[in-house]
Amino acid sequence: MSGKADVAFVSCVKTKANRPMPAKDFYLSPWFRLARRYVEKNAHRWYILSAAHGCIHPEDIIDPYDVTLNGASAADRGYWAVVVRDQFDKLGPNLSGERAIIFAGLNYRRDLISPLLRTFDEVQVPMEGLKMGQQLSWLTKHNDQG
């Protein structure tokens, strides 16, 4: 990938803090920390896709929760995606540009690609199809290159 993406999205993860704090610090897994490090260097802005809160700014203070889209019904994932698309609309110019990148599993991104393609020329999913260990290797390699 050349040049910075205009906007990046990183999905929430299961391992979370047990007290309120900024979203960027709330998610504790090695995968999230590596993804955060990558997008902070390689995107102008980034947001977190949270199963409980939708699309949130990294500085938003969030409370502990235990919700995931993995295993959720298609209807529940669809409802979540509608909420997130509404949040995208409210972000307006903050959610625009030539390129967006998404670091999220299929359940978090499937209903968001089309709306994002109406705003961005290109939407990339750099780790699409990679298993967790491969994703960790990809993130480590790409973080070490910068």
C-alpha atoms as a PDB file:
ATOM      1  CA  MET A   1       0.000   0.000   0.000  1.00  0.00           C
ATOM      2  CA  SER A   2       1.353   3.358  -0.899  1.00  0.00           C
ATOM      3  CA  GLY A   3       0.631   6.546   0.966  1.00  0.00           C
ATOM      4  CA  LYS A   4      -1.633   7.017   3.927  1.00  0.00           C
ATOM      5  CA  ALA A   5      -5.257   5.971   3.809  1.00  0.00           C
ATOM      6  CA  ASP A   6      -7.732   8.736   4.477  1.00  0.00           C
ATOM      7  CA  VAL A   7      -9.636   6.656   7.055  1.00  0.00           C
ATOM      8  CA  ALA A   8      -9.083   3.283   8.707  1.00  0.00           C
ATOM      9  CA  PHE A   9     -11.460   1.084  10.659  1.00  0.00           C
ATOM     10  CA  VAL A  10     -10.424  -1.456  13.290  1.00  0.00           C
ATOM     11  CA  SER A  11     -12.879  -3.890  14.833  1.00  0.00           C
ATOM     12  CA  CYS A  12     -13.322  -4.356  18.541  1.00  0.00           C
ATOM     13  CA  VAL A  13     -11.962  -7.506  20.176  1.00  0.00           C
ATOM     14  CA  LYS A  14     -13.016  -9.800  22.998  1.00  0.00           C
ATOM     15  CA  THR A  15     -10.280  -8.830  25.480  1.00  0.00           C
ATOM     16  CA  LYS A  16     -11.292  -5.541  27.043  1.00  0.00           C
ATOM     17  CA  ALA A  17     -10.537  -3.384  30.059  1.00  0.00           C
ATOM     18  CA  ASN A  18     -12.781  -3.721  33.103  1.00  0.00           C
ATOM     19  CA  ARG A  19     -13.305   0.014  33.602  1.00  0.00           C
ATOM     20  CA  PRO A  20     -14.298   3.005  31.459  1.00  0.00           C
ATOM     21  CA  MET A  21     -11.521   4.463  29.329  1.00  0.00           C
ATOM     22  CA  PRO A  22     -10.813   5.843  25.848  1.00  0.00           C
ATOM     23  CA  ALA A  23     -11.732   3.292  23.200  1.00  0.00           C
ATOM     24  CA  LYS A  24      -8.189   3.247  21.781  1.00  0.00           C
ATOM     25  CA  ASP A  25      -6.929   1.909  25.139  1.00  0.00           C
ATOM     26  CA  PHE A  26      -9.990  -0.174  26.037  1.00  0.00           C
ATOM     27  CA  TYR A  27      -9.255  -3.149  23.768  1.00  0.00           C
ATOM     28  CA  LEU A  28      -6.339  -5.170  25.087  1.00  0.00           C
ATOM     29  CA  SER A  29      -5.527  -7.972  22.650  1.00  0.00           C
ATOM     30  CA  PRO A  30      -2.173  -8.132  20.854  1.00  0.00           C
ATOM     31  CA  TRP A  31      -4.077  -8.057  17.529  1.00  0.00           C
ATOM     32  CA  PHE A  32      -5.851  -4.811  18.414  1.00  0.00           C
ATOM     33  CA  ARG A  33      -2.673  -3.181  19.672  1.00  0.00           C
ATOM     34  CA  LEU A  34      -0.836  -4.077  16.466  1.00  0.00           C
ATOM     35  CA  ALA A  35      -3.758  -2.921  14.296  1.00  0.00           C
ATOM     36  CA  ARG A  36      -3.932   0.346  16.232  1.00  0.00           C
ATOM     37  CA  ARG A  37      -0.219   0.923  15.793  1.00  0.00           C
ATOM     38  CA  TYR A  38      -0.526   0.267  12.070  1.00  0.00           C
ATOM     39  CA  VAL A  39      -3.489   2.582  11.446  1.00  0.00           C
ATOM     40  CA  GLU A  40      -2.046   5.371  13.580  1.00  0.00           C
ATOM     41  CA  LYS A  41       0.968   5.390  11.225  1.00  0.00           C
ATOM     42  CA  ASN A  42      -0.834   4.631   7.970  1.00  0.00           C
ATOM     43  CA  ALA A  43      -4.124   6.531   8.065  1.00  0.00           C
ATOM     44  CA  HIS A  44      -5.036  10.175   8.596  1.00  0.00           C
ATOM     45  CA  ARG A  45      -8.026   9.229  10.803  1.00  0.00           C
ATOM     46  CA  TRP A  46      -9.271   6.016  12.293  1.00  0.00           C
ATOM     47  CA  TYR A  47     -12.357   4.649  13.993  1.00  0.00           C
ATOM     48  CA  ILE A  48     -13.259   1.537  15.910  1.00  0.00           C
ATOM     49  CA  LEU A  49     -16.121  -0.733  14.862  1.00  0.00           C
ATOM     50  CA  SER A  50     -17.659  -1.764  18.172  1.00  0.00           C
ATOM     51  CA  ALA A  51     -20.380  -4.395  18.441  1.00  0.00           C
ATOM     52  CA  ALA A  52     -21.925  -2.415  21.308  1.00  0.00           C
ATOM     53  CA  HIS A  53     -21.382   1.171  20.144  1.00  0.00           C
ATOM     54  CA  GLY A  54     -21.101   1.061  16.359  1.00  0.00           C
ATOM     55  CA  CYS A  55     -18.490   3.367  14.825  1.00  0.00           C
ATOM     56  CA  ILE A  56     -16.614   5.156  17.595  1.00  0.00           C
ATOM     57  CA  HIS A  57     -13.764   7.639  17.735  1.00  0.00           C
ATOM     58  CA  PRO A  58     -10.620   6.301  19.456  1.00  0.00           C
ATOM     59  CA  GLU A  59     -10.868   9.020  22.130  1.00  0.00           C
ATOM     60  CA  ASP A  60     -14.506   8.210  23.035  1.00  0.00           C
ATOM     61  CA  ILE A  61     -14.790   6.964  26.621  1.00  0.00           C
ATOM     62  CA  ILE A  62     -16.599   3.638  26.727  1.00  0.00           C
ATOM     63  CA  ASP A  63     -17.808   1.396  29.525  1.00  0.00           C
ATOM     64  CA  PRO A  64     -17.093  -2.328  29.754  1.00  0.00           C
ATOM     65  CA  TYR A  65     -19.401  -4.524  27.679  1.00  0.00           C
ATOM     66  CA  ASP A  66     -19.666  -8.096  26.449  1.00  0.00           C
ATOM     67  CA  VAL A  67     -21.204  -8.020  22.966  1.00  0.00           C
ATOM     68  CA  THR A  68     -19.921  -9.422  19.663  1.00  0.00           C
ATOM     69  CA  LEU A  69     -21.242  -9.731  16.144  1.00  0.00           C
ATOM     70  CA  ASN A  70     -19.611 -13.135  15.817  1.00  0.00           C
ATOM     71  CA  GLY A  71     -22.415 -15.633  16.246  1.00  0.00           C
ATOM     72  CA  ALA A  72     -25.069 -12.898  15.996  1.00  0.00           C
ATOM     73  CA  SER A  73     -28.028 -13.496  13.710  1.00  0.00           C
ATOM     74  CA  ALA A  74     -28.079 -11.977  10.232  1.00  0.00           C
ATOM     75  CA  ALA A  75     -30.909  -9.705  11.415  1.00  0.00           C
ATOM     76  CA  ASP A  76     -28.873  -8.456  14.396  1.00  0.00           C
ATOM     77  CA  ARG A  77     -25.808  -7.856  12.199  1.00  0.00           C
ATOM     78  CA  GLY A  78     -28.028  -6.037   9.702  1.00  0.00           C
ATOM     79  CA  TYR A  79     -29.481  -3.806  12.419  1.00  0.00           C
ATOM     80  CA  TRP A  80     -25.966  -3.025  13.685  1.00  0.00           C
ATOM     81  CA  ALA A  81     -24.872  -2.110  10.149  1.00  0.00           C
ATOM     82  CA  VAL A  82     -27.828   0.293   9.787  1.00  0.00           C
ATOM     83  CA  VAL A  83     -26.786   2.017  13.029  1.00  0.00           C
ATOM     84  CA  VAL A  84     -23.188   2.260  11.809  1.00  0.00           C
ATOM     85  CA  ARG A  85     -24.241   3.635   8.405  1.00  0.00           C
ATOM     86  CA  ASP A  86     -26.238   6.327  10.242  1.00  0.00           C
ATOM     87  CA  GLN A  87     -23.109   7.139  12.257  1.00  0.00           C
ATOM     88  CA  PHE A  88     -21.125   7.338   8.998  1.00  0.00           C
ATOM     89  CA  ASP A  89     -23.633   9.908   7.711  1.00  0.00           C
ATOM     90  CA  LYS A  90     -23.175  12.020  10.850  1.00  0.00           C
ATOM     91  CA  LEU A  91     -19.382  11.966  10.428  1.00  0.00           C
ATOM     92  CA  GLY A  92     -19.810  13.736   7.083  1.00  0.00           C
ATOM     93  CA  PRO A  93     -16.519  15.168   5.794  1.00  0.00           C
ATOM     94  CA  ASN A  94     -14.522  13.248   8.401  1.00  0.00           C
ATOM     95  CA  LEU A  95     -15.536  10.127   6.556  1.00  0.00           C
ATOM     96  CA  SER A  96     -14.435  10.874   3.030  1.00  0.00           C
ATOM     97  CA  GLY A  97     -11.434  10.649   0.769  1.00  0.00           C
ATOM     98  CA  GLU A  98      -9.774   8.453  -1.782  1.00  0.00           C
ATOM     99  CA  ARG A  99      -9.013   5.337   0.275  1.00  0.00           C
ATOM    100  CA  ALA A 100     -10.337   3.574   3.351  1.00  0.00           C
ATOM    101  CA  ILE A 101      -8.849   0.472   4.919  1.00  0.00           C
ATOM    102  CA  ILE A 102     -10.658  -2.011   7.125  1.00  0.00           C
ATOM    103  CA  PHE A 103      -9.158  -4.297   9.744  1.00  0.00           C
ATOM    104  CA  ALA A 104     -12.214  -6.314  10.705  1.00  0.00           C
ATOM    105  CA  GLY A 105     -13.684  -9.743  10.177  1.00  0.00           C
ATOM    106  CA  LEU A 106     -16.456 -10.440   7.723  1.00  0.00           C
ATOM    107  CA  ASN A 107     -19.242 -10.071  10.317  1.00  0.00           C
ATOM    108  CA  TYR A 108     -18.108  -6.507  11.010  1.00  0.00           C
ATOM    109  CA  ARG A 109     -17.457  -5.384   7.448  1.00  0.00           C
ATOM    110  CA  ARG A 110     -19.880  -7.238   5.150  1.00  0.00           C
ATOM    111  CA  ASP A 111     -22.651  -4.619   5.223  1.00  0.00           C
ATOM    112  CA  LEU A 112     -20.309  -1.624   5.366  1.00  0.00           C
ATOM    113  CA  ILE A 113     -18.251  -2.017   2.180  1.00  0.00           C
ATOM    114  CA  SER A 114     -20.986  -0.786  -0.186  1.00  0.00           C
ATOM    115  CA  PRO A 115     -21.802   2.357   1.830  1.00  0.00           C
ATOM    116  CA  LEU A 116     -18.095   3.142   2.121  1.00  0.00           C
ATOM    117  CA  LEU A 117     -17.648   2.765  -1.640  1.00  0.00           C
ATOM    118  CA  ARG A 118     -20.153   5.587  -2.073  1.00  0.00           C
ATOM    119  CA  THR A 119     -17.784   7.842  -0.109  1.00  0.00           C
ATOM    120  CA  PHE A 120     -14.328   6.493  -0.983  1.00  0.00           C
ATOM    121  CA  ASP A 121     -12.806   5.648  -4.364  1.00  0.00           C
ATOM    122  CA  GLU A 122     -11.270   2.529  -2.871  1.00  0.00           C
ATOM    123  CA  VAL A 123     -11.970   0.370   0.186  1.00  0.00           C
ATOM    124  CA  GLN A 124      -9.231  -2.110   1.052  1.00  0.00           C
ATOM    125  CA  VAL A 125      -9.270  -5.101   3.378  1.00  0.00           C
ATOM    126  CA  PRO A 126      -5.522  -5.816   3.539  1.00  0.00           C
ATOM    127  CA  MET A 127      -5.753  -8.988   5.620  1.00  0.00           C
ATOM    128  CA  GLU A 128      -8.819 -10.495   3.948  1.00  0.00           C
ATOM    129  CA  GLY A 129      -8.697 -14.290   4.073  1.00  0.00           C
ATOM    130  CA  LEU A 130      -5.847 -14.484   6.591  1.00  0.00           C
ATOM    131  CA  LYS A 131      -6.196 -16.592   9.733  1.00  0.00           C
ATOM    132  CA  MET A 132      -5.453 -14.975  13.112  1.00  0.00           C
ATOM    133  CA  GLY A 133      -1.798 -16.061  13.262  1.00  0.00           C
ATOM    134  CA  GLN A 134      -1.267 -14.818   9.721  1.00  0.00           C
ATOM    135  CA  GLN A 135      -2.903 -11.498  10.620  1.00  0.00           C
ATOM    136  CA  LEU A 136      -0.579 -11.066  13.584  1.00  0.00           C
ATOM    137  CA  SER A 137       2.399 -11.807  11.312  1.00  0.00           C
ATOM    138  CA  TRP A 138       1.115  -9.362   8.672  1.00  0.00           C
ATOM    139  CA  LEU A 139       0.633  -6.606  11.238  1.00  0.00           C
ATOM    140  CA  THR A 140       4.031  -7.236  12.845  1.00  0.00           C
ATOM    141  CA  LYS A 141       5.800  -7.219   9.469  1.00  0.00           C
ATOM    142  CA  HIS A 142       4.061  -4.069   8.252  1.00  0.00           C
ATOM    143  CA  ASN A 143       4.572  -2.239  11.552  1.00  0.00           C
ATOM    144  CA  ASP A 144       8.287  -3.082  11.447  1.00  0.00           C
ATOM    145  CA  GLN A 145       8.609  -1.715   7.891  1.00  0.00           C
ATOM    146  CA  GLY A 146       7.542   1.792   8.884  1.00  0.00           C
END
